[in-house]
Amino acid sequence: MLTKFKRLLLFLVFATMVLVSATMFSQEFTTSVNIPLTSYFARVQVNPYYQLVNLASMAFAEEHLKGTEYEDLPVISRASVIDGGFRGAHNFADVPAGPITEEEMRHLYRYNNTIVALKLNGQQVIDWLEHSAGNFFQIDPNSTEDQTLVDFGFDCHHLDQFWGITYLYDVTQPLGQRVVDAEYEGVPLSEDIYFIVMVDSFRAGGGGGLPHAVPENVVLRWDVDYRTMVFEYLDSLGGIMPELVINWSLKPVETAGRVLFKTGGEWGVPVTEYMEAAAQLNIEPVDHIEYVGTDDVWGLFEIDLARVRTP
């Protein structure tokens, strides 16, 4: 039989262990970022944050594909636009420069996915991109009427931004014929080129129904949290975001009328404030985008398709 003293001692030891454990698992890790991270323009052009996700994925692949049968295959990566207004005008990421915690990182990547590698050929990648092109309405360059570019009925989670290849979307063409000039190191994508495509477990499991992103094409899996991978990669850079590289864009075209898209809540005020910072800090191109008014609580912007920057 335990004495009252021993029972009390055991209780105190147990309580201390629980407290220490709780403290360990609630500890908030922090890094920093030198520029604001937003997704206001992620549905119309290359986005710094989603490019960071892809760079983190590529760095992971470089380390973890060594010694596998796939180490000699070219590697590409994709990141889906998580916060792109699909749930409304306030469904955009807007994280200021400065310290950034794991909790704030959840606003940029909220899902508990792990890292997966697919094996696909170039034509299969094009098929995937064509599905993502559903993000855009078809534009008639000869119309003098206002036209809307982004289809907010399209789930932005299915708009995947790829890295490691270059490509253009010709939004004057019907869906299924929009991907042009898709290349890997200057070579057109085709059935003859095979890639390792780094993705998250949701997409690899068929999430979103994108072509060829299915379990049958999975070749490797790692039990590593996708969000942690990105957070640790940013931390390894000392919080200094890599310079933006334009590896995909809309195909430039002159239009007779205005091409418009909406983004951000509060009648576009946070977006215009971000545009000032983006121009000053050279975060991403904004000189071809102009604030023109509001659409309900959204900000309404004109995009000059003739002036978009291309790969």
C-alpha atoms as a PDB file:
ATOM      1  CA  MET A   1       0.000   0.000   0.000  1.00  0.00           C
ATOM      2  CA  LEU A   2       1.251   3.456  -0.911  1.00  0.00           C
ATOM      3  CA  THR A   3       1.440   5.986   1.858  1.00  0.00           C
ATOM      4  CA  LYS A   4      -0.285   9.348   1.413  1.00  0.00           C
ATOM      5  CA  PHE A   5       3.157  10.920   1.062  1.00  0.00           C
ATOM      6  CA  LYS A   6       4.189   8.571  -1.753  1.00  0.00           C
ATOM      7  CA  ARG A   7       0.883   9.068  -3.560  1.00  0.00           C
ATOM      8  CA  LEU A   8       1.321  12.826  -3.319  1.00  0.00           C
ATOM      9  CA  LEU A   9       4.907  12.545  -4.583  1.00  0.00           C
ATOM     10  CA  LEU A  10       3.845  10.425  -7.568  1.00  0.00           C
ATOM     11  CA  PHE A  11       1.067  12.884  -8.361  1.00  0.00           C
ATOM     12  CA  LEU A  12       3.486  15.807  -8.328  1.00  0.00           C
ATOM     13  CA  VAL A  13       5.954  13.950 -10.574  1.00  0.00           C
ATOM     14  CA  PHE A  14       3.156  13.091 -13.030  1.00  0.00           C
ATOM     15  CA  ALA A  15       1.814  16.648 -13.005  1.00  0.00           C
ATOM     16  CA  THR A  16       5.287  18.020 -13.687  1.00  0.00           C
ATOM     17  CA  MET A  17       5.741  15.656 -16.628  1.00  0.00           C
ATOM     18  CA  VAL A  18       2.415  16.707 -18.124  1.00  0.00           C
ATOM     19  CA  LEU A  19       3.280  20.390 -17.685  1.00  0.00           C
ATOM     20  CA  VAL A  20       6.696  19.982 -19.311  1.00  0.00           C
ATOM     21  CA  SER A  21       5.181  18.000 -22.177  1.00  0.00           C
ATOM     22  CA  ALA A  22       2.474  20.589 -22.734  1.00  0.00           C
ATOM     23  CA  THR A  23       5.071  23.345 -22.738  1.00  0.00           C
ATOM     24  CA  MET A  24       7.195  21.508 -25.290  1.00  0.00           C
ATOM     25  CA  PHE A  25       4.343  20.896 -27.697  1.00  0.00           C
ATOM     26  CA  SER A  26       2.871  24.375 -27.360  1.00  0.00           C
ATOM     27  CA  GLN A  27       6.201  26.073 -27.921  1.00  0.00           C
ATOM     28  CA  GLU A  28       5.894  28.583 -30.733  1.00  0.00           C
ATOM     29  CA  PHE A  29       8.771  28.555 -33.171  1.00  0.00           C
ATOM     30  CA  THR A  30       9.444  31.800 -34.995  1.00  0.00           C
ATOM     31  CA  THR A  31      11.436  32.853 -38.010  1.00  0.00           C
ATOM     32  CA  SER A  32      11.140  36.060 -40.010  1.00  0.00           C
ATOM     33  CA  VAL A  33      10.371  37.249 -43.501  1.00  0.00           C
ATOM     34  CA  ASN A  34      11.807  40.366 -45.118  1.00  0.00           C
ATOM     35  CA  ILE A  35       8.822  41.218 -47.331  1.00  0.00           C
ATOM     36  CA  PRO A  36       5.051  41.058 -46.930  1.00  0.00           C
ATOM     37  CA  LEU A  37       3.531  37.820 -48.204  1.00  0.00           C
ATOM     38  CA  THR A  38       0.151  38.127 -49.887  1.00  0.00           C
ATOM     39  CA  SER A  39      -1.915  36.169 -52.381  1.00  0.00           C
ATOM     40  CA  TYR A  40      -3.847  39.087 -53.896  1.00  0.00           C
ATOM     41  CA  PHE A  41      -2.428  38.545 -57.383  1.00  0.00           C
ATOM     42  CA  ALA A  42      -1.732  34.803 -57.183  1.00  0.00           C
ATOM     43  CA  ARG A  43      -4.558  34.050 -59.606  1.00  0.00           C
ATOM     44  CA  VAL A  44      -3.108  36.195 -62.388  1.00  0.00           C
ATOM     45  CA  GLN A  45       0.679  35.855 -62.066  1.00  0.00           C
ATOM     46  CA  VAL A  46       3.650  34.224 -60.345  1.00  0.00           C
ATOM     47  CA  ASN A  47       3.394  34.638 -56.587  1.00  0.00           C
ATOM     48  CA  PRO A  48       6.409  34.993 -54.246  1.00  0.00           C
ATOM     49  CA  TYR A  49       4.986  32.825 -51.472  1.00  0.00           C
ATOM     50  CA  TYR A  50       3.890  29.938 -53.685  1.00  0.00           C
ATOM     51  CA  GLN A  51       7.234  30.098 -55.423  1.00  0.00           C
ATOM     52  CA  LEU A  52       8.833  29.754 -51.980  1.00  0.00           C
ATOM     53  CA  VAL A  53       6.735  26.619 -51.394  1.00  0.00           C
ATOM     54  CA  ASN A  54       8.019  25.171 -54.654  1.00  0.00           C
ATOM     55  CA  LEU A  55      11.639  26.064 -53.879  1.00  0.00           C
ATOM     56  CA  ALA A  56      11.325  24.379 -50.491  1.00  0.00           C
ATOM     57  CA  SER A  57       9.934  21.301 -52.195  1.00  0.00           C
ATOM     58  CA  MET A  58      12.754  21.281 -54.745  1.00  0.00           C
ATOM     59  CA  ALA A  59      15.383  21.598 -52.003  1.00  0.00           C
ATOM     60  CA  PHE A  60      13.768  18.689 -50.177  1.00  0.00           C
ATOM     61  CA  ALA A  61      13.835  16.602 -53.364  1.00  0.00           C
ATOM     62  CA  GLU A  62      17.490  17.366 -54.030  1.00  0.00           C
ATOM     63  CA  GLU A  63      18.389  15.930 -50.656  1.00  0.00           C
ATOM     64  CA  HIS A  64      15.992  13.007 -50.454  1.00  0.00           C
ATOM     65  CA  LEU A  65      16.065  11.648 -54.008  1.00  0.00           C
ATOM     66  CA  LYS A  66      19.769  10.845 -53.697  1.00  0.00           C
ATOM     67  CA  GLY A  67      20.373   7.125 -53.711  1.00  0.00           C
ATOM     68  CA  THR A  68      16.933   6.308 -55.168  1.00  0.00           C
ATOM     69  CA  GLU A  69      16.233   4.976 -58.637  1.00  0.00           C
ATOM     70  CA  TYR A  70      14.755   8.372 -59.532  1.00  0.00           C
ATOM     71  CA  GLU A  71      17.725  10.599 -58.693  1.00  0.00           C
ATOM     72  CA  ASP A  72      18.667  11.105 -62.356  1.00  0.00           C
ATOM     73  CA  LEU A  73      15.210  12.231 -63.491  1.00  0.00           C
ATOM     74  CA  PRO A  74      14.507  15.968 -63.788  1.00  0.00           C
ATOM     75  CA  VAL A  75      12.512  17.309 -60.853  1.00  0.00           C
ATOM     76  CA  ILE A  76       9.692  19.843 -60.914  1.00  0.00           C
ATOM     77  CA  SER A  77       7.273  20.975 -58.229  1.00  0.00           C
ATOM     78  CA  ARG A  78       3.826  22.493 -57.891  1.00  0.00           C
ATOM     79  CA  ALA A  79       2.014  24.534 -55.261  1.00  0.00           C
ATOM     80  CA  SER A  80      -1.712  25.216 -55.252  1.00  0.00           C
ATOM     81  CA  VAL A  81      -3.150  28.668 -54.581  1.00  0.00           C
ATOM     82  CA  ILE A  82      -4.710  28.047 -51.173  1.00  0.00           C
ATOM     83  CA  ASP A  83      -6.037  31.513 -50.322  1.00  0.00           C
ATOM     84  CA  GLY A  84      -7.215  33.009 -53.579  1.00  0.00           C
ATOM     85  CA  GLY A  85     -10.660  34.370 -52.828  1.00  0.00           C
ATOM     86  CA  PHE A  86     -12.647  31.187 -53.426  1.00  0.00           C
ATOM     87  CA  ARG A  87     -14.388  31.639 -50.069  1.00  0.00           C
ATOM     88  CA  GLY A  88     -14.941  35.362 -50.501  1.00  0.00           C
ATOM     89  CA  ALA A  89     -13.265  38.741 -50.580  1.00  0.00           C
ATOM     90  CA  HIS A  90     -11.394  38.184 -47.306  1.00  0.00           C
ATOM     91  CA  ASN A  91     -10.029  34.773 -48.318  1.00  0.00           C
ATOM     92  CA  PHE A  92      -6.525  36.049 -49.122  1.00  0.00           C
ATOM     93  CA  ALA A  93      -3.211  35.731 -47.312  1.00  0.00           C
ATOM     94  CA  ASP A  94      -1.707  38.990 -46.077  1.00  0.00           C
ATOM     95  CA  VAL A  95       1.238  38.459 -43.711  1.00  0.00           C
ATOM     96  CA  PRO A  96       3.367  41.536 -42.990  1.00  0.00           C
ATOM     97  CA  ALA A  97       7.153  41.577 -43.113  1.00  0.00           C
ATOM     98  CA  GLY A  98       8.858  40.756 -39.834  1.00  0.00           C
ATOM     99  CA  PRO A  99       8.670  37.846 -37.394  1.00  0.00           C
ATOM    100  CA  ILE A 100       6.466  35.013 -38.579  1.00  0.00           C
ATOM    101  CA  THR A 101       5.299  32.189 -36.375  1.00  0.00           C
ATOM    102  CA  GLU A 102       4.189  28.685 -37.182  1.00  0.00           C
ATOM    103  CA  GLU A 103       0.649  29.813 -36.426  1.00  0.00           C
ATOM    104  CA  GLU A 104       0.895  32.554 -39.049  1.00  0.00           C
ATOM    105  CA  MET A 105       2.357  30.018 -41.440  1.00  0.00           C
ATOM    106  CA  ARG A 106      -0.908  28.140 -41.086  1.00  0.00           C
ATOM    107  CA  HIS A 107      -2.624  31.067 -42.792  1.00  0.00           C
ATOM    108  CA  LEU A 108      -0.342  30.495 -45.753  1.00  0.00           C
ATOM    109  CA  TYR A 109      -0.518  26.693 -45.690  1.00  0.00           C
ATOM    110  CA  ARG A 110      -3.222  25.389 -43.380  1.00  0.00           C
ATOM    111  CA  TYR A 111      -3.307  21.690 -44.216  1.00  0.00           C
ATOM    112  CA  ASN A 112      -1.550  18.782 -42.498  1.00  0.00           C
ATOM    113  CA  ASN A 113      -0.246  17.167 -45.668  1.00  0.00           C
ATOM    114  CA  THR A 114       2.964  15.235 -46.172  1.00  0.00           C
ATOM    115  CA  ILE A 115       5.444  15.155 -49.077  1.00  0.00           C
ATOM    116  CA  VAL A 116       4.952  12.859 -52.061  1.00  0.00           C
ATOM    117  CA  ALA A 117       6.666  12.331 -55.432  1.00  0.00           C
ATOM    118  CA  LEU A 118       4.859  11.421 -58.644  1.00  0.00           C
ATOM    119  CA  LYS A 119       6.379  10.229 -61.901  1.00  0.00           C
ATOM    120  CA  LEU A 120       4.761  11.891 -64.926  1.00  0.00           C
ATOM    121  CA  ASN A 121       5.692  12.676 -68.494  1.00  0.00           C
ATOM    122  CA  GLY A 122       5.618  16.120 -70.082  1.00  0.00           C
ATOM    123  CA  GLN A 123       2.262  15.664 -71.789  1.00  0.00           C
ATOM    124  CA  GLN A 124       0.692  14.625 -68.511  1.00  0.00           C
ATOM    125  CA  VAL A 125       2.048  17.826 -66.950  1.00  0.00           C
ATOM    126  CA  ILE A 126       0.452  19.840 -69.779  1.00  0.00           C
ATOM    127  CA  ASP A 127      -2.866  18.069 -69.132  1.00  0.00           C
ATOM    128  CA  TRP A 128      -2.562  19.110 -65.494  1.00  0.00           C
ATOM    129  CA  LEU A 129      -1.850  22.727 -66.465  1.00  0.00           C
ATOM    130  CA  GLU A 130      -4.827  22.779 -68.811  1.00  0.00           C
ATOM    131  CA  HIS A 131      -7.068  21.857 -65.900  1.00  0.00           C
ATOM    132  CA  SER A 132      -5.612  24.716 -63.841  1.00  0.00           C
ATOM    133  CA  ALA A 133      -6.335  27.045 -66.775  1.00  0.00           C
ATOM    134  CA  GLY A 134      -9.997  26.813 -65.785  1.00  0.00           C
ATOM    135  CA  ASN A 135      -9.104  29.637 -63.405  1.00  0.00           C
ATOM    136  CA  PHE A 136      -9.517  32.042 -66.341  1.00  0.00           C
ATOM    137  CA  PHE A 137     -12.450  33.132 -68.451  1.00  0.00           C
ATOM    138  CA  GLN A 138     -11.831  33.226 -72.192  1.00  0.00           C
ATOM    139  CA  ILE A 139     -10.968  36.729 -73.375  1.00  0.00           C
ATOM    140  CA  ASP A 140     -11.988  38.145 -76.753  1.00  0.00           C
ATOM    141  CA  PRO A 141      -9.199  40.555 -77.670  1.00  0.00           C
ATOM    142  CA  ASN A 142     -11.432  42.363 -80.182  1.00  0.00           C
ATOM    143  CA  SER A 143     -14.247  43.147 -77.751  1.00  0.00           C
ATOM    144  CA  THR A 144     -14.555  46.767 -76.634  1.00  0.00           C
ATOM    145  CA  GLU A 145     -16.660  45.741 -73.629  1.00  0.00           C
ATOM    146  CA  ASP A 146     -15.236  45.128 -70.143  1.00  0.00           C
ATOM    147  CA  GLN A 147     -14.291  41.471 -69.685  1.00  0.00           C
ATOM    148  CA  THR A 148     -13.611  39.508 -66.492  1.00  0.00           C
ATOM    149  CA  LEU A 149     -10.391  37.508 -66.362  1.00  0.00           C
ATOM    150  CA  VAL A 150     -10.632  35.355 -63.228  1.00  0.00           C
ATOM    151  CA  ASP A 151     -13.458  32.880 -62.684  1.00  0.00           C
ATOM    152  CA  PHE A 152     -14.181  32.907 -58.953  1.00  0.00           C
ATOM    153  CA  GLY A 153     -16.465  29.936 -59.437  1.00  0.00           C
ATOM    154  CA  PHE A 154     -13.271  27.952 -60.075  1.00  0.00           C
ATOM    155  CA  ASP A 155     -11.735  26.580 -56.894  1.00  0.00           C
ATOM    156  CA  CYS A 156      -8.367  28.326 -56.523  1.00  0.00           C
ATOM    157  CA  HIS A 157      -7.009  25.191 -54.818  1.00  0.00           C
ATOM    158  CA  HIS A 158      -6.973  23.661 -58.312  1.00  0.00           C
ATOM    159  CA  LEU A 159      -4.813  26.440 -59.724  1.00  0.00           C
ATOM    160  CA  ASP A 160      -1.360  24.907 -59.403  1.00  0.00           C
ATOM    161  CA  GLN A 161       1.741  27.012 -59.951  1.00  0.00           C
ATOM    162  CA  PHE A 162       4.590  24.841 -61.247  1.00  0.00           C
ATOM    163  CA  TRP A 163       8.313  25.374 -60.816  1.00  0.00           C
ATOM    164  CA  GLY A 164      11.148  23.902 -62.861  1.00  0.00           C
ATOM    165  CA  ILE A 165       9.372  24.476 -66.171  1.00  0.00           C
ATOM    166  CA  THR A 166       8.304  27.565 -68.129  1.00  0.00           C
ATOM    167  CA  TYR A 167       4.865  28.006 -69.673  1.00  0.00           C
ATOM    168  CA  LEU A 168       2.252  30.526 -70.794  1.00  0.00           C
ATOM    169  CA  TYR A 169      -1.549  30.589 -70.650  1.00  0.00           C
ATOM    170  CA  ASP A 170      -3.218  31.965 -73.784  1.00  0.00           C
ATOM    171  CA  VAL A 171      -6.524  33.136 -72.327  1.00  0.00           C
ATOM    172  CA  THR A 172      -7.869  34.039 -75.761  1.00  0.00           C
ATOM    173  CA  GLN A 173      -8.182  30.298 -76.447  1.00  0.00           C
ATOM    174  CA  PRO A 174     -10.872  27.912 -75.210  1.00  0.00           C
ATOM    175  CA  LEU A 175     -10.212  25.687 -72.228  1.00  0.00           C
ATOM    176  CA  GLY A 176      -8.056  22.737 -73.248  1.00  0.00           C
ATOM    177  CA  GLN A 177      -6.022  24.789 -75.712  1.00  0.00           C
ATOM    178  CA  ARG A 178      -4.512  27.428 -73.432  1.00  0.00           C
ATOM    179  CA  VAL A 179      -1.102  26.065 -72.433  1.00  0.00           C
ATOM    180  CA  VAL A 180       1.558  27.266 -74.869  1.00  0.00           C
ATOM    181  CA  ASP A 181       5.352  27.279 -74.912  1.00  0.00           C
ATOM    182  CA  ALA A 182       5.578  24.737 -72.078  1.00  0.00           C
ATOM    183  CA  GLU A 183       9.267  23.835 -71.821  1.00  0.00           C
ATOM    184  CA  TYR A 184      11.867  22.273 -69.589  1.00  0.00           C
ATOM    185  CA  GLU A 185      15.268  23.938 -70.022  1.00  0.00           C
ATOM    186  CA  GLY A 186      14.252  25.067 -73.515  1.00  0.00           C
ATOM    187  CA  VAL A 187      12.918  21.662 -74.595  1.00  0.00           C
ATOM    188  CA  PRO A 188       9.164  21.409 -75.280  1.00  0.00           C
ATOM    189  CA  LEU A 189       7.274  19.154 -72.885  1.00  0.00           C
ATOM    190  CA  SER A 190       6.238  15.877 -74.468  1.00  0.00           C
ATOM    191  CA  GLU A 191       5.530  12.236 -73.711  1.00  0.00           C
ATOM    192  CA  ASP A 192       9.242  11.549 -74.180  1.00  0.00           C
ATOM    193  CA  ILE A 193      10.348  13.493 -71.076  1.00  0.00           C
ATOM    194  CA  TYR A 194       9.674  12.030 -67.629  1.00  0.00           C
ATOM    195  CA  PHE A 195       9.726  14.029 -64.417  1.00  0.00           C
ATOM    196  CA  ILE A 196       9.570  13.557 -60.706  1.00  0.00           C
ATOM    197  CA  VAL A 197       6.809  15.933 -59.635  1.00  0.00           C
ATOM    198  CA  MET A 198       6.908  16.983 -55.990  1.00  0.00           C
ATOM    199  CA  VAL A 199       3.428  17.389 -54.513  1.00  0.00           C
ATOM    200  CA  ASP A 200       1.559  17.126 -51.233  1.00  0.00           C
ATOM    201  CA  SER A 201      -0.287  14.014 -50.104  1.00  0.00           C
ATOM    202  CA  PHE A 202      -3.730  15.541 -50.761  1.00  0.00           C
ATOM    203  CA  ARG A 203      -3.001  16.199 -54.418  1.00  0.00           C
ATOM    204  CA  ALA A 204      -1.191  12.880 -54.872  1.00  0.00           C
ATOM    205  CA  GLY A 205      -4.194  11.057 -53.448  1.00  0.00           C
ATOM    206  CA  GLY A 206      -6.460  12.469 -56.143  1.00  0.00           C
ATOM    207  CA  GLY A 207      -7.570  15.522 -54.176  1.00  0.00           C
ATOM    208  CA  GLY A 208      -9.041  18.066 -56.555  1.00  0.00           C
ATOM    209  CA  GLY A 209      -9.326  15.571 -59.398  1.00  0.00           C
ATOM    210  CA  LEU A 210      -6.469  17.031 -61.432  1.00  0.00           C
ATOM    211  CA  PRO A 211      -5.333  14.864 -64.355  1.00  0.00           C
ATOM    212  CA  HIS A 212      -2.728  12.207 -63.509  1.00  0.00           C
ATOM    213  CA  ALA A 213      -2.435  13.325 -59.873  1.00  0.00           C
ATOM    214  CA  VAL A 214      -3.486   9.909 -58.625  1.00  0.00           C
ATOM    215  CA  PRO A 215      -2.074   7.256 -56.275  1.00  0.00           C
ATOM    216  CA  GLU A 216      -1.120   5.039 -59.236  1.00  0.00           C
ATOM    217  CA  ASN A 217       1.560   7.563 -60.211  1.00  0.00           C
ATOM    218  CA  VAL A 218       3.091   7.875 -56.731  1.00  0.00           C
ATOM    219  CA  VAL A 219       6.677   6.600 -56.557  1.00  0.00           C
ATOM    220  CA  LEU A 220       7.909   7.921 -53.191  1.00  0.00           C
ATOM    221  CA  ARG A 221       6.442   9.165 -49.927  1.00  0.00           C
ATOM    222  CA  TRP A 222       7.934  10.864 -46.884  1.00  0.00           C
ATOM    223  CA  ASP A 223       6.321  11.259 -43.501  1.00  0.00           C
ATOM    224  CA  VAL A 224       7.301  14.932 -43.360  1.00  0.00           C
ATOM    225  CA  ASP A 225       4.808  17.731 -42.801  1.00  0.00           C
ATOM    226  CA  TYR A 226       4.559  19.990 -45.848  1.00  0.00           C
ATOM    227  CA  ARG A 227       4.076  23.170 -43.807  1.00  0.00           C
ATOM    228  CA  THR A 228       7.080  22.352 -41.616  1.00  0.00           C
ATOM    229  CA  MET A 229       9.174  21.833 -44.762  1.00  0.00           C
ATOM    230  CA  VAL A 230       8.319  25.337 -45.978  1.00  0.00           C
ATOM    231  CA  PHE A 231       8.794  26.953 -42.565  1.00  0.00           C
ATOM    232  CA  GLU A 232      12.204  25.358 -42.051  1.00  0.00           C
ATOM    233  CA  TYR A 233      13.302  26.260 -45.579  1.00  0.00           C
ATOM    234  CA  LEU A 234      12.414  29.915 -45.007  1.00  0.00           C
ATOM    235  CA  ASP A 235      14.273  29.787 -41.708  1.00  0.00           C
ATOM    236  CA  SER A 236      17.338  28.319 -43.465  1.00  0.00           C
ATOM    237  CA  LEU A 237      17.335  31.384 -45.731  1.00  0.00           C
ATOM    238  CA  GLY A 238      17.467  33.636 -42.705  1.00  0.00           C
ATOM    239  CA  GLY A 239      14.023  34.917 -43.561  1.00  0.00           C
ATOM    240  CA  ILE A 240      15.266  36.472 -46.817  1.00  0.00           C
ATOM    241  CA  MET A 241      12.807  35.644 -49.583  1.00  0.00           C
ATOM    242  CA  PRO A 242      14.388  34.498 -52.846  1.00  0.00           C
ATOM    243  CA  GLU A 243      14.161  36.936 -55.741  1.00  0.00           C
ATOM    244  CA  LEU A 244      11.027  36.286 -57.772  1.00  0.00           C
ATOM    245  CA  VAL A 245      11.585  34.418 -61.034  1.00  0.00           C
ATOM    246  CA  ILE A 246       8.854  34.648 -63.649  1.00  0.00           C
ATOM    247  CA  ASN A 247       8.657  31.112 -64.976  1.00  0.00           C
ATOM    248  CA  TRP A 248       5.002  31.300 -66.078  1.00  0.00           C
ATOM    249  CA  SER A 249       2.654  34.036 -67.171  1.00  0.00           C
ATOM    250  CA  LEU A 250      -0.336  34.898 -69.271  1.00  0.00           C
ATOM    251  CA  LYS A 251       0.492  35.250 -72.953  1.00  0.00           C
ATOM    252  CA  PRO A 252       0.688  38.956 -73.817  1.00  0.00           C
ATOM    253  CA  VAL A 253      -2.137  40.220 -76.022  1.00  0.00           C
ATOM    254  CA  GLU A 254      -3.534  43.609 -76.981  1.00  0.00           C
ATOM    255  CA  THR A 255      -7.213  43.989 -76.087  1.00  0.00           C
ATOM    256  CA  ALA A 256      -9.651  46.537 -77.459  1.00  0.00           C
ATOM    257  CA  GLY A 257     -11.471  46.838 -74.119  1.00  0.00           C
ATOM    258  CA  ARG A 258     -10.609  46.588 -70.453  1.00  0.00           C
ATOM    259  CA  VAL A 259      -9.782  43.246 -68.810  1.00  0.00           C
ATOM    260  CA  LEU A 260     -10.769  43.292 -65.134  1.00  0.00           C
ATOM    261  CA  PHE A 261     -10.396  41.088 -62.083  1.00  0.00           C
ATOM    262  CA  LYS A 262     -11.367  41.498 -58.452  1.00  0.00           C
ATOM    263  CA  THR A 263      -9.240  40.739 -55.434  1.00  0.00           C
ATOM    264  CA  GLY A 264      -9.144  41.484 -51.726  1.00  0.00           C
ATOM    265  CA  GLY A 265     -11.758  42.829 -49.343  1.00  0.00           C
ATOM    266  CA  GLU A 266     -12.276  46.233 -47.730  1.00  0.00           C
ATOM    267  CA  TRP A 267     -12.955  47.714 -51.183  1.00  0.00           C
ATOM    268  CA  GLY A 268      -9.382  47.010 -52.263  1.00  0.00           C
ATOM    269  CA  VAL A 269      -7.631  49.206 -49.684  1.00  0.00           C
ATOM    270  CA  PRO A 270      -5.215  46.487 -48.398  1.00  0.00           C
ATOM    271  CA  VAL A 271      -4.451  45.521 -51.996  1.00  0.00           C
ATOM    272  CA  THR A 272      -3.516  49.041 -53.065  1.00  0.00           C
ATOM    273  CA  GLU A 273      -1.363  49.396 -49.948  1.00  0.00           C
ATOM    274  CA  TYR A 274       0.402  46.155 -50.847  1.00  0.00           C
ATOM    275  CA  MET A 275       0.883  47.377 -54.437  1.00  0.00           C
ATOM    276  CA  GLU A 276       2.844  50.364 -53.128  1.00  0.00           C
ATOM    277  CA  ALA A 277       5.119  48.078 -51.120  1.00  0.00           C
ATOM    278  CA  ALA A 278       5.464  45.632 -54.026  1.00  0.00           C
ATOM    279  CA  ALA A 279       6.586  48.425 -56.341  1.00  0.00           C
ATOM    280  CA  GLN A 280       9.042  49.911 -53.834  1.00  0.00           C
ATOM    281  CA  LEU A 281      10.555  46.574 -52.781  1.00  0.00           C
ATOM    282  CA  ASN A 282      10.325  44.884 -56.199  1.00  0.00           C
ATOM    283  CA  ILE A 283       8.342  42.019 -54.705  1.00  0.00           C
ATOM    284  CA  GLU A 284       6.284  41.228 -57.794  1.00  0.00           C
ATOM    285  CA  PRO A 285       5.215  43.106 -60.959  1.00  0.00           C
ATOM    286  CA  VAL A 286       2.318  45.515 -60.428  1.00  0.00           C
ATOM    287  CA  ASP A 287       2.952  48.219 -63.040  1.00  0.00           C
ATOM    288  CA  HIS A 288       0.496  46.539 -65.435  1.00  0.00           C
ATOM    289  CA  ILE A 289      -2.279  46.450 -62.801  1.00  0.00           C
ATOM    290  CA  GLU A 290      -4.448  49.447 -61.909  1.00  0.00           C
ATOM    291  CA  TYR A 291      -7.127  49.991 -59.287  1.00  0.00           C
ATOM    292  CA  VAL A 292     -10.377  51.033 -60.989  1.00  0.00           C
ATOM    293  CA  GLY A 293     -13.067  50.760 -58.306  1.00  0.00           C
ATOM    294  CA  THR A 294     -15.028  48.223 -56.324  1.00  0.00           C
ATOM    295  CA  ASP A 295     -17.265  45.223 -56.824  1.00  0.00           C
ATOM    296  CA  ASP A 296     -19.339  44.990 -53.643  1.00  0.00           C
ATOM    297  CA  VAL A 297     -16.611  44.775 -50.942  1.00  0.00           C
ATOM    298  CA  TRP A 298     -13.973  43.570 -53.399  1.00  0.00           C
ATOM    299  CA  GLY A 299     -11.343  45.747 -54.985  1.00  0.00           C
ATOM    300  CA  LEU A 300     -11.667  45.901 -58.766  1.00  0.00           C
ATOM    301  CA  PHE A 301      -8.524  46.082 -60.910  1.00  0.00           C
ATOM    302  CA  GLU A 302      -7.646  46.366 -64.568  1.00  0.00           C
ATOM    303  CA  ILE A 303      -4.818  44.224 -65.931  1.00  0.00           C
ATOM    304  CA  ASP A 304      -3.047  45.227 -69.119  1.00  0.00           C
ATOM    305  CA  LEU A 305      -2.449  41.885 -70.810  1.00  0.00           C
ATOM    306  CA  ALA A 306      -0.119  43.491 -73.349  1.00  0.00           C
ATOM    307  CA  ARG A 307       2.319  44.432 -70.572  1.00  0.00           C
ATOM    308  CA  VAL A 308       2.550  41.216 -68.552  1.00  0.00           C
ATOM    309  CA  ARG A 309       6.093  40.002 -67.953  1.00  0.00           C
ATOM    310  CA  THR A 310       6.898  36.655 -69.498  1.00  0.00           C
ATOM    311  CA  PRO A 311       9.498  33.936 -68.750  1.00  0.00           C
END
